[in-house]
């Protein structure tokens, strides 16, 4: 019995690399908002402490999905950098999961 594998994705290498860049941009935006913007801007605006985590959770979940899609595209395209990029994406996903759980705990009180 032969195992069939999906054919490589017929997508230009540049498009695959843009997906990685997009996933890193979403992850970076989440961190920028959570650690630089929200801690200084929300108190000045008189907003509650829960607003930052309430916004960070959905952004973190979107970032996790984008990182997963990036891994998938690199592997389907059989990109030469699929192992290093996957390693970076998995590390970012792990960090995002940790931070999202922390935000959910903070929201739960």
PDB file of N, CA and C in Angstrom:
ATOM      1  N   UNK A   1       0.847  -1.168   0.000  1.00  0.00           N
ATOM      2  CA  UNK A   1       0.000   0.000   0.000  1.00  0.00           C
ATOM      3  C   UNK A   1       0.896   1.234   0.000  1.00  0.00           C
ATOM      4  N   UNK A   2       0.749   2.066  -1.007  1.00  0.00           N
ATOM      5  CA  UNK A   2       1.552   3.276  -1.136  1.00  0.00           C
ATOM      6  C   UNK A   2       0.848   4.438  -0.453  1.00  0.00           C
ATOM      7  N   UNK A   3       1.634   5.250   0.200  1.00  0.00           N
ATOM      8  CA  UNK A   3       1.104   6.432   0.862  1.00  0.00           C
ATOM      9  C   UNK A   3       1.221   7.596  -0.108  1.00  0.00           C
ATOM     10  N   UNK A   4       0.093   8.246  -0.380  1.00  0.00           N
ATOM     11  CA  UNK A   4       0.111   9.381  -1.291  1.00  0.00           C
ATOM     12  C   UNK A   4       0.384  10.651  -0.509  1.00  0.00           C
ATOM     13  N   UNK A   5       1.215  11.475  -1.077  1.00  0.00           N
ATOM     14  CA  UNK A   5       1.494  12.767  -0.464  1.00  0.00           C
ATOM     15  C   UNK A   5       0.945  13.853  -1.363  1.00  0.00           C
ATOM     16  N   UNK A   6       0.618  14.968  -0.752  1.00  0.00           N
ATOM     17  CA  UNK A   6       0.100  16.092  -1.524  1.00  0.00           C
ATOM     18  C   UNK A   6       1.212  16.639  -2.410  1.00  0.00           C
ATOM     19  N   UNK A   7       0.864  17.011  -3.647  1.00  0.00           N
ATOM     20  CA  UNK A   7       1.894  17.591  -4.506  1.00  0.00           C
ATOM     21  C   UNK A   7       2.344  18.932  -3.947  1.00  0.00           C
ATOM     22  N   UNK A   8       3.576  19.314  -4.241  1.00  0.00           N
ATOM     23  CA  UNK A   8       4.036  20.618  -3.759  1.00  0.00           C
ATOM     24  C   UNK A   8       3.111  21.727  -4.234  1.00  0.00           C
ATOM     25  N   UNK A   9       2.962  22.709  -3.407  1.00  0.00           N
ATOM     26  CA  UNK A   9       2.111  23.850  -3.699  1.00  0.00           C
ATOM     27  C   UNK A   9       2.695  24.625  -4.873  1.00  0.00           C
ATOM     28  N   UNK A  10       1.875  24.882  -5.865  1.00  0.00           N
ATOM     29  CA  UNK A  10       2.335  25.609  -7.049  1.00  0.00           C
ATOM     30  C   UNK A  10       2.236  27.108  -6.795  1.00  0.00           C
ATOM     31  N   UNK A  11       2.898  27.550  -5.759  1.00  0.00           N
ATOM     32  CA  UNK A  11       2.870  28.954  -5.374  1.00  0.00           C
ATOM     33  C   UNK A  11       4.304  29.464  -5.414  1.00  0.00           C
ATOM     34  N   UNK A  12       4.506  30.666  -5.941  1.00  0.00           N
ATOM     35  CA  UNK A  12       5.875  31.184  -5.988  1.00  0.00           C
ATOM     36  C   UNK A  12       6.496  31.273  -4.594  1.00  0.00           C
ATOM     37  N   UNK A  13       7.809  31.081  -4.540  1.00  0.00           N
ATOM     38  CA  UNK A  13       8.517  31.126  -3.258  1.00  0.00           C
ATOM     39  C   UNK A  13       8.283  32.457  -2.543  1.00  0.00           C
ATOM     40  N   UNK A  14       8.193  33.544  -3.301  1.00  0.00           N
ATOM     41  CA  UNK A  14       7.970  34.861  -2.694  1.00  0.00           C
ATOM     42  C   UNK A  14       6.657  34.931  -1.944  1.00  0.00           C
ATOM     43  N   UNK A  15       5.613  34.285  -2.479  1.00  0.00           N
ATOM     44  CA  UNK A  15       4.313  34.291  -1.807  1.00  0.00           C
ATOM     45  C   UNK A  15       4.376  33.515  -0.504  1.00  0.00           C
ATOM     46  N   UNK A  16       5.108  32.424  -0.505  1.00  0.00           N
ATOM     47  CA  UNK A  16       5.272  31.616   0.707  1.00  0.00           C
ATOM     48  C   UNK A  16       6.025  32.422   1.761  1.00  0.00           C
ATOM     49  N   UNK A  17       7.053  33.137   1.331  1.00  0.00           N
ATOM     50  CA  UNK A  17       7.845  33.934   2.263  1.00  0.00           C
ATOM     51  C   UNK A  17       7.043  35.120   2.790  1.00  0.00           C
ATOM     52  N   UNK A  18       6.144  35.675   1.965  1.00  0.00           N
ATOM     53  CA  UNK A  18       5.277  36.767   2.445  1.00  0.00           C
ATOM     54  C   UNK A  18       4.351  36.282   3.553  1.00  0.00           C
ATOM     55  N   UNK A  19       3.870  35.045   3.456  1.00  0.00           N
ATOM     56  CA  UNK A  19       3.005  34.487   4.503  1.00  0.00           C
ATOM     57  C   UNK A  19       3.762  34.437   5.820  1.00  0.00           C
ATOM     58  N   UNK A  20       5.030  34.048   5.778  1.00  0.00           N
ATOM     59  CA  UNK A  20       5.845  34.033   6.997  1.00  0.00           C
ATOM     60  C   UNK A  20       5.970  35.447   7.552  1.00  0.00           C
ATOM     61  N   UNK A  21       6.235  36.407   6.680  1.00  0.00           N
ATOM     62  CA  UNK A  21       6.368  37.799   7.112  1.00  0.00           C
ATOM     63  C   UNK A  21       5.073  38.302   7.734  1.00  0.00           C
ATOM     64  N   UNK A  22       3.946  37.932   7.144  1.00  0.00           N
ATOM     65  CA  UNK A  22       2.651  38.347   7.687  1.00  0.00           C
ATOM     66  C   UNK A  22       2.431  37.751   9.073  1.00  0.00           C
ATOM     67  N   UNK A  23       2.770  36.496   9.242  1.00  0.00           N
ATOM     68  CA  UNK A  23       2.556  35.860  10.550  1.00  0.00           C
ATOM     69  C   UNK A  23       3.436  36.501  11.609  1.00  0.00           C
ATOM     70  N   UNK A  24       4.669  36.851  11.253  1.00  0.00           N
ATOM     71  CA  UNK A  24       5.552  37.517  12.206  1.00  0.00           C
ATOM     72  C   UNK A  24       5.049  38.928  12.508  1.00  0.00           C
ATOM     73  N   UNK A  25       4.476  39.598  11.515  1.00  0.00           N
ATOM     74  CA  UNK A  25       3.940  40.952  11.724  1.00  0.00           C
ATOM     75  C   UNK A  25       2.748  40.922  12.679  1.00  0.00           C
ATOM     76  N   UNK A  26       1.863  39.948  12.523  1.00  0.00           N
ATOM     77  CA  UNK A  26       0.700  39.846  13.426  1.00  0.00           C
ATOM     78  C   UNK A  26       1.177  39.539  14.839  1.00  0.00           C
ATOM     79  N   UNK A  27       2.130  38.620  14.976  1.00  0.00           N
ATOM     80  CA  UNK A  27       2.663  38.274  16.297  1.00  0.00           C
ATOM     81  C   UNK A  27       3.352  39.477  16.928  1.00  0.00           C
ATOM     82  N   UNK A  28       4.121  40.197  16.128  1.00  0.00           N
ATOM     83  CA  UNK A  28       4.805  41.381  16.633  1.00  0.00           C
ATOM     84  C   UNK A  28       3.841  42.487  17.035  1.00  0.00           C
ATOM     85  N   UNK A  29       2.777  42.646  16.271  1.00  0.00           N
ATOM     86  CA  UNK A  29       1.756  43.650  16.601  1.00  0.00           C
ATOM     87  C   UNK A  29       1.118  43.332  17.938  1.00  0.00           C
ATOM     88  N   UNK A  30       0.837  42.070  18.175  1.00  0.00           N
ATOM     89  CA  UNK A  30       0.243  41.652  19.448  1.00  0.00           C
ATOM     90  C   UNK A  30       1.174  42.014  20.599  1.00  0.00           C
ATOM     91  N   UNK A  31       2.447  41.724  20.451  1.00  0.00           N
ATOM     92  CA  UNK A  31       3.409  42.031  21.510  1.00  0.00           C
ATOM     93  C   UNK A  31       3.579  43.537  21.683  1.00  0.00           C
ATOM     94  N   UNK A  32       3.632  44.266  20.598  1.00  0.00           N
ATOM     95  CA  UNK A  32       3.757  45.716  20.657  1.00  0.00           C
ATOM     96  C   UNK A  32       2.582  46.333  21.409  1.00  0.00           C
ATOM     97  N   UNK A  33       1.374  45.906  21.072  1.00  0.00           N
ATOM     98  CA  UNK A  33       0.196  46.435  21.757  1.00  0.00           C
ATOM     99  C   UNK A  33       0.185  46.047  23.232  1.00  0.00           C
ATOM    100  N   UNK A  34       0.445  44.775  23.503  1.00  0.00           N
ATOM    101  CA  UNK A  34       0.343  44.262  24.865  1.00  0.00           C
ATOM    102  C   UNK A  34       1.376  44.854  25.819  1.00  0.00           C
ATOM    103  N   UNK A  35       2.602  45.053  25.343  1.00  0.00           N
ATOM    104  CA  UNK A  35       3.673  45.439  26.255  1.00  0.00           C
ATOM    105  C   UNK A  35       4.130  46.886  26.141  1.00  0.00           C
ATOM    106  N   UNK A  36       3.784  47.557  25.054  1.00  0.00           N
ATOM    107  CA  UNK A  36       4.205  48.952  24.922  1.00  0.00           C
ATOM    108  C   UNK A  36       3.038  49.930  24.875  1.00  0.00           C
ATOM    109  N   UNK A  37       2.026  49.623  24.109  1.00  0.00           N
ATOM    110  CA  UNK A  37       0.925  50.572  23.933  1.00  0.00           C
ATOM    111  C   UNK A  37      -0.060  50.506  25.092  1.00  0.00           C
ATOM    112  N   UNK A  38      -0.602  49.319  25.355  1.00  0.00           N
ATOM    113  CA  UNK A  38      -1.650  49.192  26.372  1.00  0.00           C
ATOM    114  C   UNK A  38      -1.214  49.620  27.771  1.00  0.00           C
ATOM    115  N   UNK A  39      -0.030  49.219  28.247  1.00  0.00           N
ATOM    116  CA  UNK A  39       0.339  49.603  29.615  1.00  0.00           C
ATOM    117  C   UNK A  39       0.450  51.117  29.828  1.00  0.00           C
ATOM    118  N   UNK A  40       0.755  51.859  28.787  1.00  0.00           N
ATOM    119  CA  UNK A  40       0.914  53.309  28.936  1.00  0.00           C
ATOM    120  C   UNK A  40      -0.309  54.085  28.471  1.00  0.00           C
ATOM    121  N   UNK A  41      -0.937  53.628  27.401  1.00  0.00           N
ATOM    122  CA  UNK A  41      -2.049  54.366  26.812  1.00  0.00           C
ATOM    123  C   UNK A  41      -3.363  54.151  27.565  1.00  0.00           C
ATOM    124  N   UNK A  42      -3.665  52.932  27.941  1.00  0.00           N
ATOM    125  CA  UNK A  42      -4.950  52.665  28.591  1.00  0.00           C
ATOM    126  C   UNK A  42      -5.125  53.398  29.919  1.00  0.00           C
ATOM    127  N   UNK A  43      -4.111  53.440  30.802  1.00  0.00           N
ATOM    128  CA  UNK A  43      -4.289  54.204  32.043  1.00  0.00           C
ATOM    129  C   UNK A  43      -4.485  55.703  31.784  1.00  0.00           C
ATOM    130  N   UNK A  44      -3.802  56.231  30.775  1.00  0.00           N
ATOM    131  CA  UNK A  44      -3.961  57.644  30.444  1.00  0.00           C
ATOM    132  C   UNK A  44      -5.390  57.928  29.989  1.00  0.00           C
ATOM    133  N   UNK A  45      -5.965  56.975  29.261  1.00  0.00           N
ATOM    134  CA  UNK A  45      -7.344  57.126  28.787  1.00  0.00           C
ATOM    135  C   UNK A  45      -8.377  56.749  29.846  1.00  0.00           C
ATOM    136  N   UNK A  46      -7.907  56.291  31.013  1.00  0.00           N
ATOM    137  CA  UNK A  46      -8.806  55.919  32.100  1.00  0.00           C
ATOM    138  C   UNK A  46      -9.549  54.617  31.859  1.00  0.00           C
ATOM    139  N   UNK A  47      -8.965  53.737  31.060  1.00  0.00           N
ATOM    140  CA  UNK A  47      -9.619  52.460  30.764  1.00  0.00           C
ATOM    141  C   UNK A  47      -9.210  51.409  31.781  1.00  0.00           C
ATOM    142  N   UNK A  48     -10.076  50.439  31.945  1.00  0.00           N
ATOM    143  CA  UNK A  48      -9.859  49.377  32.929  1.00  0.00           C
ATOM    144  C   UNK A  48      -8.694  48.472  32.519  1.00  0.00           C
ATOM    145  N   UNK A  49      -8.173  47.763  33.521  1.00  0.00           N
ATOM    146  CA  UNK A  49      -7.048  46.851  33.303  1.00  0.00           C
ATOM    147  C   UNK A  49      -7.393  45.677  32.394  1.00  0.00           C
ATOM    148  N   UNK A  50      -8.668  45.310  32.314  1.00  0.00           N
ATOM    149  CA  UNK A  50      -9.052  44.135  31.547  1.00  0.00           C
ATOM    150  C   UNK A  50      -9.098  44.406  30.043  1.00  0.00           C
ATOM    151  N   UNK A  51      -9.060  45.671  29.622  1.00  0.00           N
ATOM    152  CA  UNK A  51      -9.175  45.989  28.197  1.00  0.00           C
ATOM    153  C   UNK A  51      -7.987  45.432  27.413  1.00  0.00           C
ATOM    154  N   UNK A  52      -6.778  45.578  27.932  1.00  0.00           N
ATOM    155  CA  UNK A  52      -5.594  45.062  27.247  1.00  0.00           C
ATOM    156  C   UNK A  52      -5.676  43.568  26.983  1.00  0.00           C
ATOM    157  N   UNK A  53      -5.895  42.751  28.024  1.00  0.00           N
ATOM    158  CA  UNK A  53      -6.013  41.311  27.785  1.00  0.00           C
ATOM    159  C   UNK A  53      -7.206  40.949  26.893  1.00  0.00           C
ATOM    160  N   UNK A  54      -8.291  41.692  27.003  1.00  0.00           N
ATOM    161  CA  UNK A  54      -9.465  41.391  26.170  1.00  0.00           C
ATOM    162  C   UNK A  54      -9.167  41.606  24.689  1.00  0.00           C
ATOM    163  N   UNK A  55      -8.304  42.541  24.388  1.00  0.00           N
ATOM    164  CA  UNK A  55      -7.906  42.777  22.998  1.00  0.00           C
ATOM    165  C   UNK A  55      -6.779  41.832  22.599  1.00  0.00           C
ATOM    166  N   UNK A  56      -5.878  41.525  23.515  1.00  0.00           N
ATOM    167  CA  UNK A  56      -4.726  40.679  23.219  1.00  0.00           C
ATOM    168  C   UNK A  56      -5.108  39.236  22.921  1.00  0.00           C
ATOM    169  N   UNK A  57      -6.138  38.718  23.565  1.00  0.00           N
ATOM    170  CA  UNK A  57      -6.520  37.318  23.353  1.00  0.00           C
ATOM    171  C   UNK A  57      -6.913  37.068  21.893  1.00  0.00           C
ATOM    172  N   UNK A  58      -7.848  37.837  21.321  1.00  0.00           N
ATOM    173  CA  UNK A  58      -8.185  37.556  19.924  1.00  0.00           C
ATOM    174  C   UNK A  58      -7.016  37.800  18.963  1.00  0.00           C
ATOM    175  N   UNK A  59      -6.210  38.827  19.222  1.00  0.00           N
ATOM    176  CA  UNK A  59      -5.050  39.074  18.361  1.00  0.00           C
ATOM    177  C   UNK A  59      -4.068  37.905  18.466  1.00  0.00           C
ATOM    178  N   UNK A  60      -3.870  37.395  19.675  1.00  0.00           N
ATOM    179  CA  UNK A  60      -2.987  36.250  19.868  1.00  0.00           C
ATOM    180  C   UNK A  60      -3.482  35.013  19.141  1.00  0.00           C
ATOM    181  N   UNK A  61      -4.795  34.783  19.179  1.00  0.00           N
ATOM    182  CA  UNK A  61      -5.357  33.622  18.485  1.00  0.00           C
ATOM    183  C   UNK A  61      -5.195  33.752  16.973  1.00  0.00           C
ATOM    184  N   UNK A  62      -5.396  34.950  16.454  1.00  0.00           N
ATOM    185  CA  UNK A  62      -5.197  35.185  15.021  1.00  0.00           C
ATOM    186  C   UNK A  62      -3.724  34.963  14.665  1.00  0.00           C
ATOM    187  N   UNK A  63      -2.821  35.432  15.509  1.00  0.00           N
ATOM    188  CA  UNK A  63      -1.390  35.253  15.264  1.00  0.00           C
ATOM    189  C   UNK A  63      -1.016  33.769  15.255  1.00  0.00           C
ATOM    190  N   UNK A  64      -1.609  32.978  16.136  1.00  0.00           N
ATOM    191  CA  UNK A  64      -1.344  31.538  16.172  1.00  0.00           C
ATOM    192  C   UNK A  64      -1.788  30.894  14.857  1.00  0.00           C
ATOM    193  N   UNK A  65      -2.965  31.268  14.390  1.00  0.00           N
ATOM    194  CA  UNK A  65      -3.474  30.723  13.123  1.00  0.00           C
ATOM    195  C   UNK A  65      -2.546  31.113  11.968  1.00  0.00           C
ATOM    196  N   UNK A  66      -2.131  32.381  11.908  1.00  0.00           N
ATOM    197  CA  UNK A  66      -1.247  32.829  10.831  1.00  0.00           C
ATOM    198  C   UNK A  66       0.077  32.067  10.857  1.00  0.00           C
ATOM    199  N   UNK A  67       0.618  31.821  12.052  1.00  0.00           N
ATOM    200  CA  UNK A  67       1.865  31.064  12.147  1.00  0.00           C
ATOM    201  C   UNK A  67       1.673  29.628  11.682  1.00  0.00           C
ATOM    202  N   UNK A  68       0.552  29.029  12.029  1.00  0.00           N
ATOM    203  CA  UNK A  68       0.252  27.671  11.558  1.00  0.00           C
ATOM    204  C   UNK A  68       0.127  27.619  10.037  1.00  0.00           C
ATOM    205  N   UNK A  69      -0.543  28.612   9.464  1.00  0.00           N
ATOM    206  CA  UNK A  69      -0.664  28.669   8.005  1.00  0.00           C
ATOM    207  C   UNK A  69       0.700  28.858   7.342  1.00  0.00           C
ATOM    208  N   UNK A  70       1.556  29.622   7.980  1.00  0.00           N
ATOM    209  CA  UNK A  70       2.899  29.824   7.444  1.00  0.00           C
ATOM    210  C   UNK A  70       3.665  28.502   7.386  1.00  0.00           C
ATOM    211  N   UNK A  71       3.598  27.736   8.442  1.00  0.00           N
ATOM    212  CA  UNK A  71       4.261  26.430   8.467  1.00  0.00           C
ATOM    213  C   UNK A  71       3.721  25.550   7.345  1.00  0.00           C
ATOM    214  N   UNK A  72       2.412  25.513   7.228  1.00  0.00           N
ATOM    215  CA  UNK A  72       1.767  24.669   6.214  1.00  0.00           C
ATOM    216  C   UNK A  72       2.223  25.048   4.808  1.00  0.00           C
ATOM    217  N   UNK A  73       2.252  26.339   4.519  1.00  0.00           N
ATOM    218  CA  UNK A  73       2.642  26.790   3.176  1.00  0.00           C
ATOM    219  C   UNK A  73       4.108  26.461   2.880  1.00  0.00           C
ATOM    220  N   UNK A  74       4.988  26.645   3.843  1.00  0.00           N
ATOM    221  CA  UNK A  74       6.396  26.334   3.611  1.00  0.00           C
ATOM    222  C   UNK A  74       6.586  24.853   3.307  1.00  0.00           C
ATOM    223  N   UNK A  75       5.860  23.990   4.014  1.00  0.00           N
ATOM    224  CA  UNK A  75       5.997  22.557   3.795  1.00  0.00           C
ATOM    225  C   UNK A  75       5.348  22.127   2.487  1.00  0.00           C
ATOM    226  N   UNK A  76       4.190  22.684   2.174  1.00  0.00           N
ATOM    227  CA  UNK A  76       3.528  22.324   0.913  1.00  0.00           C
ATOM    228  C   UNK A  76       4.328  22.797  -0.293  1.00  0.00           C
ATOM    229  N   UNK A  77       5.031  23.902  -0.167  1.00  0.00           N
ATOM    230  CA  UNK A  77       5.853  24.415  -1.259  1.00  0.00           C
ATOM    231  C   UNK A  77       7.229  23.741  -1.292  1.00  0.00           C
ATOM    232  N   UNK A  78       7.511  22.914  -0.304  1.00  0.00           N
ATOM    233  CA  UNK A  78       8.816  22.266  -0.165  1.00  0.00           C
ATOM    234  C   UNK A  78       9.942  23.302  -0.239  1.00  0.00           C
ATOM    235  N   UNK A  79       9.735  24.386   0.501  1.00  0.00           N
ATOM    236  CA  UNK A  79      10.691  25.500   0.524  1.00  0.00           C
ATOM    237  C   UNK A  79      11.987  25.042   1.170  1.00  0.00           C
ATOM    238  N   UNK A  80      13.099  25.551   0.671  1.00  0.00           N
ATOM    239  CA  UNK A  80      14.403  25.124   1.197  1.00  0.00           C
ATOM    240  C   UNK A  80      14.607  25.523   2.653  1.00  0.00           C
ATOM    241  N   UNK A  81      13.894  26.533   3.139  1.00  0.00           N
ATOM    242  CA  UNK A  81      14.037  26.983   4.529  1.00  0.00           C
ATOM    243  C   UNK A  81      12.899  26.491   5.429  1.00  0.00           C
ATOM    244  N   UNK A  82      12.234  25.421   5.034  1.00  0.00           N
ATOM    245  CA  UNK A  82      11.056  24.986   5.796  1.00  0.00           C
ATOM    246  C   UNK A  82      11.394  24.590   7.238  1.00  0.00           C
ATOM    247  N   UNK A  83      12.553  23.985   7.481  1.00  0.00           N
ATOM    248  CA  UNK A  83      12.894  23.587   8.850  1.00  0.00           C
ATOM    249  C   UNK A  83      13.191  24.783   9.743  1.00  0.00           C
ATOM    250  N   UNK A  84      14.061  25.715   9.325  1.00  0.00           N
ATOM    251  CA  UNK A  84      14.319  26.867  10.204  1.00  0.00           C
ATOM    252  C   UNK A  84      13.081  27.733  10.416  1.00  0.00           C
ATOM    253  N   UNK A  85      12.310  27.943   9.350  1.00  0.00           N
ATOM    254  CA  UNK A  85      11.108  28.770   9.479  1.00  0.00           C
ATOM    255  C   UNK A  85      10.089  28.084  10.380  1.00  0.00           C
ATOM    256  N   UNK A  86       9.939  26.787  10.250  1.00  0.00           N
ATOM    257  CA  UNK A  86       9.012  26.043  11.109  1.00  0.00           C
ATOM    258  C   UNK A  86       9.445  26.121  12.565  1.00  0.00           C
ATOM    259  N   UNK A  87      10.745  26.058  12.809  1.00  0.00           N
ATOM    260  CA  UNK A  87      11.257  26.163  14.174  1.00  0.00           C
ATOM    261  C   UNK A  87      10.911  27.518  14.785  1.00  0.00           C
ATOM    262  N   UNK A  88      11.113  28.578  14.012  1.00  0.00           N
ATOM    263  CA  UNK A  88      10.770  29.925  14.490  1.00  0.00           C
ATOM    264  C   UNK A  88       9.270  30.019  14.739  1.00  0.00           C
ATOM    265  N   UNK A  89       8.463  29.530  13.792  1.00  0.00           N
ATOM    266  CA  UNK A  89       7.010  29.594  13.947  1.00  0.00           C
ATOM    267  C   UNK A  89       6.532  28.809  15.170  1.00  0.00           C
ATOM    268  N   UNK A  90       7.082  27.637  15.383  1.00  0.00           N
ATOM    269  CA  UNK A  90       6.669  26.829  16.540  1.00  0.00           C
ATOM    270  C   UNK A  90       7.047  27.540  17.842  1.00  0.00           C
ATOM    271  N   UNK A  91       8.225  28.164  17.868  1.00  0.00           N
ATOM    272  CA  UNK A  91       8.636  28.915  19.066  1.00  0.00           C
ATOM    273  C   UNK A  91       7.687  30.086  19.310  1.00  0.00           C
ATOM    274  N   UNK A  92       7.315  30.788  18.259  1.00  0.00           N
ATOM    275  CA  UNK A  92       6.389  31.919  18.397  1.00  0.00           C
ATOM    276  C   UNK A  92       5.011  31.428  18.832  1.00  0.00           C
ATOM    277  N   UNK A  93       4.551  30.311  18.266  1.00  0.00           N
ATOM    278  CA  UNK A  93       3.258  29.744  18.671  1.00  0.00           C
ATOM    279  C   UNK A  93       3.285  29.381  20.156  1.00  0.00           C
ATOM    280  N   UNK A  94       4.384  28.773  20.608  1.00  0.00           N
ATOM    281  CA  UNK A  94       4.509  28.428  22.025  1.00  0.00           C
ATOM    282  C   UNK A  94       4.433  29.658  22.917  1.00  0.00           C
ATOM    283  N   UNK A  95       5.148  30.705  22.529  1.00  0.00           N
ATOM    284  CA  UNK A  95       5.117  31.951  23.292  1.00  0.00           C
ATOM    285  C   UNK A  95       3.718  32.564  23.280  1.00  0.00           C
ATOM    286  N   UNK A  96       3.082  32.570  22.119  1.00  0.00           N
ATOM    287  CA  UNK A  96       1.729  33.135  22.026  1.00  0.00           C
ATOM    288  C   UNK A  96       0.731  32.337  22.873  1.00  0.00           C
ATOM    289  N   UNK A  97       0.863  31.026  22.887  1.00  0.00           N
ATOM    290  CA  UNK A  97      -0.026  30.198  23.723  1.00  0.00           C
ATOM    291  C   UNK A  97       0.170  30.544  25.197  1.00  0.00           C
ATOM    292  N   UNK A  98       1.417  30.653  25.617  1.00  0.00           N
ATOM    293  CA  UNK A  98       1.721  31.006  27.006  1.00  0.00           C
ATOM    294  C   UNK A  98       1.123  32.372  27.358  1.00  0.00           C
ATOM    295  N   UNK A  99       1.325  33.356  26.477  1.00  0.00           N
ATOM    296  CA  UNK A  99       0.816  34.700  26.735  1.00  0.00           C
ATOM    297  C   UNK A  99      -0.707  34.751  26.706  1.00  0.00           C
ATOM    298  N   UNK A 100      -1.316  33.998  25.803  1.00  0.00           N
ATOM    299  CA  UNK A 100      -2.782  33.972  25.718  1.00  0.00           C
ATOM    300  C   UNK A 100      -3.383  33.346  26.967  1.00  0.00           C
ATOM    301  N   UNK A 101      -2.772  32.270  27.458  1.00  0.00           N
ATOM    302  CA  UNK A 101      -3.258  31.664  28.706  1.00  0.00           C
ATOM    303  C   UNK A 101      -3.119  32.662  29.850  1.00  0.00           C
ATOM    304  N   UNK A 102      -2.008  33.379  29.910  1.00  0.00           N
ATOM    305  CA  UNK A 102      -1.828  34.404  30.938  1.00  0.00           C
ATOM    306  C   UNK A 102      -2.893  35.488  30.861  1.00  0.00           C
ATOM    307  N   UNK A 103      -3.226  35.914  29.641  1.00  0.00           N
ATOM    308  CA  UNK A 103      -4.281  36.911  29.479  1.00  0.00           C
ATOM    309  C   UNK A 103      -5.636  36.374  29.912  1.00  0.00           C
ATOM    310  N   UNK A 104      -5.914  35.112  29.581  1.00  0.00           N
ATOM    311  CA  UNK A 104      -7.186  34.513  29.977  1.00  0.00           C
ATOM    312  C   UNK A 104      -7.285  34.378  31.510  1.00  0.00           C
ATOM    313  N   UNK A 105      -6.170  34.027  32.150  1.00  0.00           N
ATOM    314  CA  UNK A 105      -6.156  33.969  33.613  1.00  0.00           C
ATOM    315  C   UNK A 105      -6.395  35.344  34.206  1.00  0.00           C
ATOM    316  N   UNK A 106      -5.779  36.356  33.614  1.00  0.00           N
ATOM    317  CA  UNK A 106      -5.968  37.725  34.093  1.00  0.00           C
ATOM    318  C   UNK A 106      -7.424  38.175  33.906  1.00  0.00           C
ATOM    319  N   UNK A 107      -8.039  37.802  32.803  1.00  0.00           N
ATOM    320  CA  UNK A 107      -9.439  38.143  32.563  1.00  0.00           C
ATOM    321  C   UNK A 107     -10.372  37.428  33.539  1.00  0.00           C
ATOM    322  N   UNK A 108     -10.007  36.190  33.900  1.00  0.00           N
ATOM    323  CA  UNK A 108     -10.841  35.410  34.815  1.00  0.00           C
ATOM    324  C   UNK A 108     -10.779  35.967  36.226  1.00  0.00           C
ATOM    325  N   UNK A 109      -9.753  36.753  36.497  1.00  0.00           N
ATOM    326  CA  UNK A 109      -9.680  37.407  37.795  1.00  0.00           C
ATOM    327  C   UNK A 109      -8.909  36.613  38.757  1.00  0.00           C
TER     328      UNK A 109
END
